[in-house]
Amino acid sequence: MEIKVLGSGCANCLALEERTTRALGMLGMDAEVAKVTDFAEIAGYGVMSTPALVLNDEVVVMGRVPTVEELQAILGASPA
């Protein structure tokens, strides 16, 4: 599973990364969370509001920081 957090490195971006890592741990999944801060790359995903979460090249969250429980549901439903 390829996981990316898109954003400038703001507090919300860091919170999304931390919550995603926590959700992965609670699910017993071992995956690396990559950070993307390049605005051209972020725009390439069609993201206009950060933070955003990308799973396997699909934007699944944009412009908000979901709860750990929401992230567990998203990550658990995503094919590996």
PDB file of N, CA and C in Angstrom:
ATOM      1  N   MET A   1       0.852  -1.171   0.000  1.00  0.00           N
ATOM      2  CA  MET A   1       0.000   0.000   0.000  1.00  0.00           C
ATOM      3  C   MET A   1       0.897   1.234   0.000  1.00  0.00           C
ATOM      4  N   GLU A   2       0.623   2.138  -0.905  1.00  0.00           N
ATOM      5  CA  GLU A   2       1.367   3.383  -0.993  1.00  0.00           C
ATOM      6  C   GLU A   2       0.543   4.496  -0.349  1.00  0.00           C
ATOM      7  N   ILE A   3       1.104   5.151   0.665  1.00  0.00           N
ATOM      8  CA  ILE A   3       0.391   6.187   1.411  1.00  0.00           C
ATOM      9  C   ILE A   3       1.197   7.477   1.352  1.00  0.00           C
ATOM     10  N   LYS A   4       0.512   8.578   0.998  1.00  0.00           N
ATOM     11  CA  LYS A   4       1.170   9.874   0.941  1.00  0.00           C
ATOM     12  C   LYS A   4       0.314  10.908   1.658  1.00  0.00           C
ATOM     13  N   VAL A   5       0.989  11.781   2.406  1.00  0.00           N
ATOM     14  CA  VAL A   5       0.338  12.942   2.999  1.00  0.00           C
ATOM     15  C   VAL A   5       0.815  14.144   2.190  1.00  0.00           C
ATOM     16  N   LEU A   6      -0.131  14.854   1.597  1.00  0.00           N
ATOM     17  CA  LEU A   6       0.195  16.012   0.779  1.00  0.00           C
ATOM     18  C   LEU A   6      -0.040  17.279   1.588  1.00  0.00           C
ATOM     19  N   GLY A   7       0.945  18.174   1.587  1.00  0.00           N
ATOM     20  CA  GLY A   7       0.788  19.442   2.277  1.00  0.00           C
ATOM     21  C   GLY A   7       2.107  20.137   2.489  1.00  0.00           C
ATOM     22  N   SER A   8       2.024  21.350   2.983  1.00  0.00           N
ATOM     23  CA  SER A   8       3.197  22.209   3.135  1.00  0.00           C
ATOM     24  C   SER A   8       4.028  21.902   4.373  1.00  0.00           C
ATOM     25  N   GLY A   9       3.516  21.063   5.251  1.00  0.00           N
ATOM     26  CA  GLY A   9       4.202  20.788   6.513  1.00  0.00           C
ATOM     27  C   GLY A   9       3.582  21.566   7.660  1.00  0.00           C
ATOM     28  N   CYS A  10       2.381  22.084   7.439  1.00  0.00           N
ATOM     29  CA  CYS A  10       1.668  22.846   8.466  1.00  0.00           C
ATOM     30  C   CYS A  10       1.215  21.910   9.598  1.00  0.00           C
ATOM     31  N   ALA A  11       0.649  22.504  10.633  1.00  0.00           N
ATOM     32  CA  ALA A  11       0.207  21.718  11.788  1.00  0.00           C
ATOM     33  C   ALA A  11      -0.827  20.664  11.392  1.00  0.00           C
ATOM     34  N   ASN A  12      -1.746  20.999  10.505  1.00  0.00           N
ATOM     35  CA  ASN A  12      -2.749  20.025  10.071  1.00  0.00           C
ATOM     36  C   ASN A  12      -2.125  18.892   9.276  1.00  0.00           C
ATOM     37  N   CYS A  13      -1.122  19.204   8.475  1.00  0.00           N
ATOM     38  CA  CYS A  13      -0.431  18.166   7.707  1.00  0.00           C
ATOM     39  C   CYS A  13       0.286  17.193   8.643  1.00  0.00           C
ATOM     40  N   LEU A  14       0.940  17.748   9.657  1.00  0.00           N
ATOM     41  CA  LEU A  14       1.633  16.908  10.634  1.00  0.00           C
ATOM     42  C   LEU A  14       0.637  16.070  11.429  1.00  0.00           C
ATOM     43  N   ALA A  15      -0.520  16.651  11.753  1.00  0.00           N
ATOM     44  CA  ALA A  15      -1.549  15.906  12.479  1.00  0.00           C
ATOM     45  C   ALA A  15      -2.080  14.753  11.636  1.00  0.00           C
ATOM     46  N   LEU A  16      -2.276  14.989  10.336  1.00  0.00           N
ATOM     47  CA  LEU A  16      -2.758  13.925   9.457  1.00  0.00           C
ATOM     48  C   LEU A  16      -1.737  12.800   9.375  1.00  0.00           C
ATOM     49  N   GLU A  17      -0.479  13.143   9.274  1.00  0.00           N
ATOM     50  CA  GLU A  17       0.563  12.118   9.223  1.00  0.00           C
ATOM     51  C   GLU A  17       0.586  11.305  10.522  1.00  0.00           C
ATOM     52  N   GLU A  18       0.518  11.990  11.657  1.00  0.00           N
ATOM     53  CA  GLU A  18       0.559  11.307  12.954  1.00  0.00           C
ATOM     54  C   GLU A  18      -0.657  10.406  13.127  1.00  0.00           C
ATOM     55  N   ARG A  19      -1.830  10.889  12.795  1.00  0.00           N
ATOM     56  CA  ARG A  19      -3.047  10.086  12.944  1.00  0.00           C
ATOM     57  C   ARG A  19      -3.049   8.904  11.983  1.00  0.00           C
ATOM     58  N   THR A  20      -2.529   9.102  10.789  1.00  0.00           N
ATOM     59  CA  THR A  20      -2.454   8.002   9.818  1.00  0.00           C
ATOM     60  C   THR A  20      -1.523   6.909  10.334  1.00  0.00           C
ATOM     61  N   THR A  21      -0.383   7.310  10.870  1.00  0.00           N
ATOM     62  CA  THR A  21       0.569   6.351  11.430  1.00  0.00           C
ATOM     63  C   THR A  21      -0.051   5.608  12.602  1.00  0.00           C
ATOM     64  N   ARG A  22      -0.775   6.341  13.445  1.00  0.00           N
ATOM     65  CA  ARG A  22      -1.436   5.709  14.598  1.00  0.00           C
ATOM     66  C   ARG A  22      -2.500   4.716  14.129  1.00  0.00           C
ATOM     67  N   ALA A  23      -3.302   5.098  13.135  1.00  0.00           N
ATOM     68  CA  ALA A  23      -4.349   4.209  12.611  1.00  0.00           C
ATOM     69  C   ALA A  23      -3.734   2.944  12.013  1.00  0.00           C
ATOM     70  N   LEU A  24      -2.638   3.098  11.295  1.00  0.00           N
ATOM     71  CA  LEU A  24      -1.950   1.929  10.730  1.00  0.00           C
ATOM     72  C   LEU A  24      -1.508   0.982  11.836  1.00  0.00           C
ATOM     73  N   GLY A  25      -0.937   1.537  12.899  1.00  0.00           N
ATOM     74  CA  GLY A  25      -0.491   0.718  14.016  1.00  0.00           C
ATOM     75  C   GLY A  25      -1.637  -0.014  14.678  1.00  0.00           C
ATOM     76  N   MET A  26      -2.772   0.669  14.842  1.00  0.00           N
ATOM     77  CA  MET A  26      -3.937   0.040  15.475  1.00  0.00           C
ATOM     78  C   MET A  26      -4.513  -1.078  14.611  1.00  0.00           C
ATOM     79  N   LEU A  27      -4.331  -0.942  13.290  1.00  0.00           N
ATOM     80  CA  LEU A  27      -4.806  -1.982  12.368  1.00  0.00           C
ATOM     81  C   LEU A  27      -3.785  -3.105  12.198  1.00  0.00           C
ATOM     82  N   GLY A  28      -2.588  -2.926  12.765  1.00  0.00           N
ATOM     83  CA  GLY A  28      -1.540  -3.929  12.601  1.00  0.00           C
ATOM     84  C   GLY A  28      -0.946  -3.929  11.209  1.00  0.00           C
ATOM     85  N   MET A  29      -1.038  -2.797  10.522  1.00  0.00           N
ATOM     86  CA  MET A  29      -0.512  -2.685   9.161  1.00  0.00           C
ATOM     87  C   MET A  29       0.850  -2.002   9.215  1.00  0.00           C
ATOM     88  N   ASP A  30       1.770  -2.522   8.429  1.00  0.00           N
ATOM     89  CA  ASP A  30       3.108  -1.943   8.364  1.00  0.00           C
ATOM     90  C   ASP A  30       3.262  -1.271   7.005  1.00  0.00           C
ATOM     91  N   ALA A  31       3.132   0.038   6.987  1.00  0.00           N
ATOM     92  CA  ALA A  31       3.273   0.781   5.744  1.00  0.00           C
ATOM     93  C   ALA A  31       3.982   2.092   6.042  1.00  0.00           C
ATOM     94  N   GLU A  32       4.737   2.552   5.076  1.00  0.00           N
ATOM     95  CA  GLU A  32       5.447   3.815   5.220  1.00  0.00           C
ATOM     96  C   GLU A  32       4.552   4.947   4.731  1.00  0.00           C
ATOM     97  N   VAL A  33       4.563   6.040   5.466  1.00  0.00           N
ATOM     98  CA  VAL A  33       3.792   7.221   5.092  1.00  0.00           C
ATOM     99  C   VAL A  33       4.770   8.254   4.538  1.00  0.00           C
ATOM    100  N   ALA A  34       4.643   8.542   3.242  1.00  0.00           N
ATOM    101  CA  ALA A  34       5.528   9.517   2.594  1.00  0.00           C
ATOM    102  C   ALA A  34       4.907  10.902   2.665  1.00  0.00           C
ATOM    103  N   LYS A  35       5.755  11.905   2.825  1.00  0.00           N
ATOM    104  CA  LYS A  35       5.299  13.295   2.842  1.00  0.00           C
ATOM    105  C   LYS A  35       5.620  13.930   1.491  1.00  0.00           C
ATOM    106  N   VAL A  36       4.640  14.631   0.939  1.00  0.00           N
ATOM    107  CA  VAL A  36       4.832  15.341  -0.325  1.00  0.00           C
ATOM    108  C   VAL A  36       4.572  16.815  -0.059  1.00  0.00           C
ATOM    109  N   THR A  37       5.601  17.641  -0.238  1.00  0.00           N
ATOM    110  CA  THR A  37       5.470  19.066   0.011  1.00  0.00           C
ATOM    111  C   THR A  37       5.602  19.904  -1.262  1.00  0.00           C
ATOM    112  N   ASP A  38       5.947  19.282  -2.365  1.00  0.00           N
ATOM    113  CA  ASP A  38       6.111  19.981  -3.634  1.00  0.00           C
ATOM    114  C   ASP A  38       4.738  20.371  -4.191  1.00  0.00           C
ATOM    115  N   PHE A  39       4.504  21.681  -4.334  1.00  0.00           N
ATOM    116  CA  PHE A  39       3.185  22.153  -4.747  1.00  0.00           C
ATOM    117  C   PHE A  39       2.791  21.683  -6.139  1.00  0.00           C
ATOM    118  N   ALA A  40       3.754  21.539  -7.048  1.00  0.00           N
ATOM    119  CA  ALA A  40       3.439  21.043  -8.389  1.00  0.00           C
ATOM    120  C   ALA A  40       2.954  19.597  -8.322  1.00  0.00           C
ATOM    121  N   GLU A  41       3.605  18.793  -7.492  1.00  0.00           N
ATOM    122  CA  GLU A  41       3.188  17.392  -7.335  1.00  0.00           C
ATOM    123  C   GLU A  41       1.819  17.307  -6.666  1.00  0.00           C
ATOM    124  N   ILE A  42       1.602  18.158  -5.657  1.00  0.00           N
ATOM    125  CA  ILE A  42       0.303  18.185  -4.981  1.00  0.00           C
ATOM    126  C   ILE A  42      -0.798  18.565  -5.969  1.00  0.00           C
ATOM    127  N   ALA A  43      -0.553  19.590  -6.760  1.00  0.00           N
ATOM    128  CA  ALA A  43      -1.537  20.028  -7.761  1.00  0.00           C
ATOM    129  C   ALA A  43      -1.788  18.943  -8.799  1.00  0.00           C
ATOM    130  N   GLY A  44      -0.770  18.122  -9.075  1.00  0.00           N
ATOM    131  CA  GLY A  44      -0.917  17.022 -10.022  1.00  0.00           C
ATOM    132  C   GLY A  44      -1.962  16.003  -9.591  1.00  0.00           C
ATOM    133  N   TYR A  45      -2.241  15.946  -8.302  1.00  0.00           N
ATOM    134  CA  TYR A  45      -3.294  15.072  -7.792  1.00  0.00           C
ATOM    135  C   TYR A  45      -4.660  15.750  -7.830  1.00  0.00           C
ATOM    136  N   GLY A  46      -4.692  17.016  -8.261  1.00  0.00           N
ATOM    137  CA  GLY A  46      -5.951  17.746  -8.289  1.00  0.00           C
ATOM    138  C   GLY A  46      -6.338  18.310  -6.942  1.00  0.00           C
ATOM    139  N   VAL A  47      -5.385  18.347  -6.016  1.00  0.00           N
ATOM    140  CA  VAL A  47      -5.650  18.822  -4.664  1.00  0.00           C
ATOM    141  C   VAL A  47      -5.465  20.335  -4.613  1.00  0.00           C
ATOM    142  N   MET A  48      -6.513  21.022  -4.184  1.00  0.00           N
ATOM    143  CA  MET A  48      -6.446  22.471  -4.050  1.00  0.00           C
ATOM    144  C   MET A  48      -6.490  22.900  -2.582  1.00  0.00           C
ATOM    145  N   SER A  49      -6.782  21.965  -1.679  1.00  0.00           N
ATOM    146  CA  SER A  49      -6.863  22.260  -0.255  1.00  0.00           C
ATOM    147  C   SER A  49      -6.153  21.151   0.517  1.00  0.00           C
ATOM    148  N   THR A  50      -5.151  21.546   1.285  1.00  0.00           N
ATOM    149  CA  THR A  50      -4.394  20.567   2.058  1.00  0.00           C
ATOM    150  C   THR A  50      -4.785  20.661   3.532  1.00  0.00           C
ATOM    151  N   PRO A  51      -4.517  19.629   4.291  1.00  0.00           N
ATOM    152  CA  PRO A  51      -3.784  18.425   3.925  1.00  0.00           C
ATOM    153  C   PRO A  51      -4.654  17.472   3.110  1.00  0.00           C
ATOM    154  N   ALA A  52      -3.985  16.541   2.463  1.00  0.00           N
ATOM    155  CA  ALA A  52      -4.688  15.509   1.714  1.00  0.00           C
ATOM    156  C   ALA A  52      -3.992  14.171   1.942  1.00  0.00           C
ATOM    157  N   LEU A  53      -4.768  13.113   1.839  1.00  0.00           N
ATOM    158  CA  LEU A  53      -4.237  11.767   2.004  1.00  0.00           C
ATOM    159  C   LEU A  53      -4.462  11.003   0.713  1.00  0.00           C
ATOM    160  N   VAL A  54      -3.388  10.373   0.230  1.00  0.00           N
ATOM    161  CA  VAL A  54      -3.433   9.617  -1.017  1.00  0.00           C
ATOM    162  C   VAL A  54      -3.096   8.165  -0.714  1.00  0.00           C
ATOM    163  N   LEU A  55      -3.977   7.270  -1.146  1.00  0.00           N
ATOM    164  CA  LEU A  55      -3.724   5.827  -1.025  1.00  0.00           C
ATOM    165  C   LEU A  55      -3.655   5.239  -2.415  1.00  0.00           C
ATOM    166  N   ASN A  56      -2.535   4.612  -2.723  1.00  0.00           N
ATOM    167  CA  ASN A  56      -2.363   3.965  -4.024  1.00  0.00           C
ATOM    168  C   ASN A  56      -2.757   4.904  -5.159  1.00  0.00           C
ATOM    169  N   ASP A  57      -2.267   6.141  -5.108  1.00  0.00           N
ATOM    170  CA  ASP A  57      -2.477   7.180  -6.120  1.00  0.00           C
ATOM    171  C   ASP A  57      -3.911   7.679  -6.235  1.00  0.00           C
ATOM    172  N   GLU A  58      -4.744   7.441  -5.231  1.00  0.00           N
ATOM    173  CA  GLU A  58      -6.115   7.953  -5.212  1.00  0.00           C
ATOM    174  C   GLU A  58      -6.284   8.862  -3.994  1.00  0.00           C
ATOM    175  N   VAL A  59      -6.750  10.089  -4.226  1.00  0.00           N
ATOM    176  CA  VAL A  59      -6.993  11.020  -3.130  1.00  0.00           C
ATOM    177  C   VAL A  59      -8.231  10.549  -2.376  1.00  0.00           C
ATOM    178  N   VAL A  60      -8.065  10.272  -1.079  1.00  0.00           N
ATOM    179  CA  VAL A  60      -9.188   9.770  -0.275  1.00  0.00           C
ATOM    180  C   VAL A  60      -9.651  10.777   0.776  1.00  0.00           C
ATOM    181  N   VAL A  61      -8.812  11.751   1.098  1.00  0.00           N
ATOM    182  CA  VAL A  61      -9.168  12.810   2.043  1.00  0.00           C
ATOM    183  C   VAL A  61      -8.520  14.096   1.543  1.00  0.00           C
ATOM    184  N   MET A  62      -9.286  15.199   1.588  1.00  0.00           N
ATOM    185  CA  MET A  62      -8.730  16.477   1.153  1.00  0.00           C
ATOM    186  C   MET A  62      -9.303  17.606   2.000  1.00  0.00           C
ATOM    187  N   GLY A  63      -8.412  18.484   2.474  1.00  0.00           N
ATOM    188  CA  GLY A  63      -8.824  19.699   3.143  1.00  0.00           C
ATOM    189  C   GLY A  63      -9.256  19.552   4.591  1.00  0.00           C
ATOM    190  N   ARG A  64      -8.973  18.401   5.196  1.00  0.00           N
ATOM    191  CA  ARG A  64      -9.356  18.203   6.592  1.00  0.00           C
ATOM    192  C   ARG A  64      -8.484  17.115   7.214  1.00  0.00           C
ATOM    193  N   VAL A  65      -8.570  17.022   8.541  1.00  0.00           N
ATOM    194  CA  VAL A  65      -7.838  15.984   9.281  1.00  0.00           C
ATOM    195  C   VAL A  65      -8.876  15.067   9.916  1.00  0.00           C
ATOM    196  N   PRO A  66      -9.070  13.886   9.331  1.00  0.00           N
ATOM    197  CA  PRO A  66     -10.043  12.952   9.904  1.00  0.00           C
ATOM    198  C   PRO A  66      -9.577  12.392  11.247  1.00  0.00           C
ATOM    199  N   THR A  67     -10.530  11.837  11.984  1.00  0.00           N
ATOM    200  CA  THR A  67     -10.188  11.196  13.257  1.00  0.00           C
ATOM    201  C   THR A  67      -9.427   9.904  12.980  1.00  0.00           C
ATOM    202  N   VAL A  68      -8.775   9.394  14.008  1.00  0.00           N
ATOM    203  CA  VAL A  68      -8.062   8.120  13.881  1.00  0.00           C
ATOM    204  C   VAL A  68      -9.047   7.022  13.479  1.00  0.00           C
ATOM    205  N   GLU A  69     -10.254   7.055  14.033  1.00  0.00           N
ATOM    206  CA  GLU A  69     -11.269   6.044  13.706  1.00  0.00           C
ATOM    207  C   GLU A  69     -11.662   6.112  12.232  1.00  0.00           C
ATOM    208  N   GLU A  70     -11.825   7.327  11.697  1.00  0.00           N
ATOM    209  CA  GLU A  70     -12.141   7.477  10.275  1.00  0.00           C
ATOM    210  C   GLU A  70     -10.999   6.933   9.421  1.00  0.00           C
ATOM    211  N   LEU A  71      -9.781   7.228   9.829  1.00  0.00           N
ATOM    212  CA  LEU A  71      -8.622   6.751   9.075  1.00  0.00           C
ATOM    213  C   LEU A  71      -8.518   5.232   9.125  1.00  0.00           C
ATOM    214  N   GLN A  72      -8.851   4.634  10.267  1.00  0.00           N
ATOM    215  CA  GLN A  72      -8.850   3.166  10.342  1.00  0.00           C
ATOM    216  C   GLN A  72      -9.826   2.589   9.320  1.00  0.00           C
ATOM    217  N   ALA A  73     -11.005   3.185   9.209  1.00  0.00           N
ATOM    218  CA  ALA A  73     -12.003   2.696   8.260  1.00  0.00           C
ATOM    219  C   ALA A  73     -11.501   2.857   6.831  1.00  0.00           C
ATOM    220  N   ILE A  74     -10.893   3.979   6.529  1.00  0.00           N
ATOM    221  CA  ILE A  74     -10.369   4.232   5.176  1.00  0.00           C
ATOM    222  C   ILE A  74      -9.244   3.260   4.847  1.00  0.00           C
ATOM    223  N   LEU A  75      -8.287   3.140   5.758  1.00  0.00           N
ATOM    224  CA  LEU A  75      -7.127   2.281   5.523  1.00  0.00           C
ATOM    225  C   LEU A  75      -7.504   0.802   5.510  1.00  0.00           C
ATOM    226  N   GLY A  76      -8.430   0.419   6.374  1.00  0.00           N
ATOM    227  CA  GLY A  76      -8.841  -0.972   6.445  1.00  0.00           C
ATOM    228  C   GLY A  76      -9.624  -1.419   5.211  1.00  0.00           C
ATOM    229  N   ALA A  77     -10.286  -0.473   4.562  1.00  0.00           N
ATOM    230  CA  ALA A  77     -11.083  -0.796   3.376  1.00  0.00           C
ATOM    231  C   ALA A  77     -10.261  -0.747   2.100  1.00  0.00           C
ATOM    232  N   SER A  78      -9.065  -0.185   2.186  1.00  0.00           N
ATOM    233  CA  SER A  78      -8.236  -0.022   0.995  1.00  0.00           C
ATOM    234  C   SER A  78      -7.500  -1.320   0.666  1.00  0.00           C
ATOM    235  N   PRO A  79      -7.475  -1.700  -0.629  1.00  0.00           N
ATOM    236  CA  PRO A  79      -6.712  -2.905  -0.992  1.00  0.00           C
ATOM    237  C   PRO A  79      -5.225  -2.676  -0.790  1.00  0.00           C
ATOM    238  N   ALA A  80      -4.548  -3.672  -0.333  1.00  0.00           N
ATOM    239  CA  ALA A  80      -3.109  -3.558  -0.034  1.00  0.00           C
ATOM    240  C   ALA A  80      -2.283  -3.403  -1.278  1.00  0.00           C
TER     241      ALA A  80
END
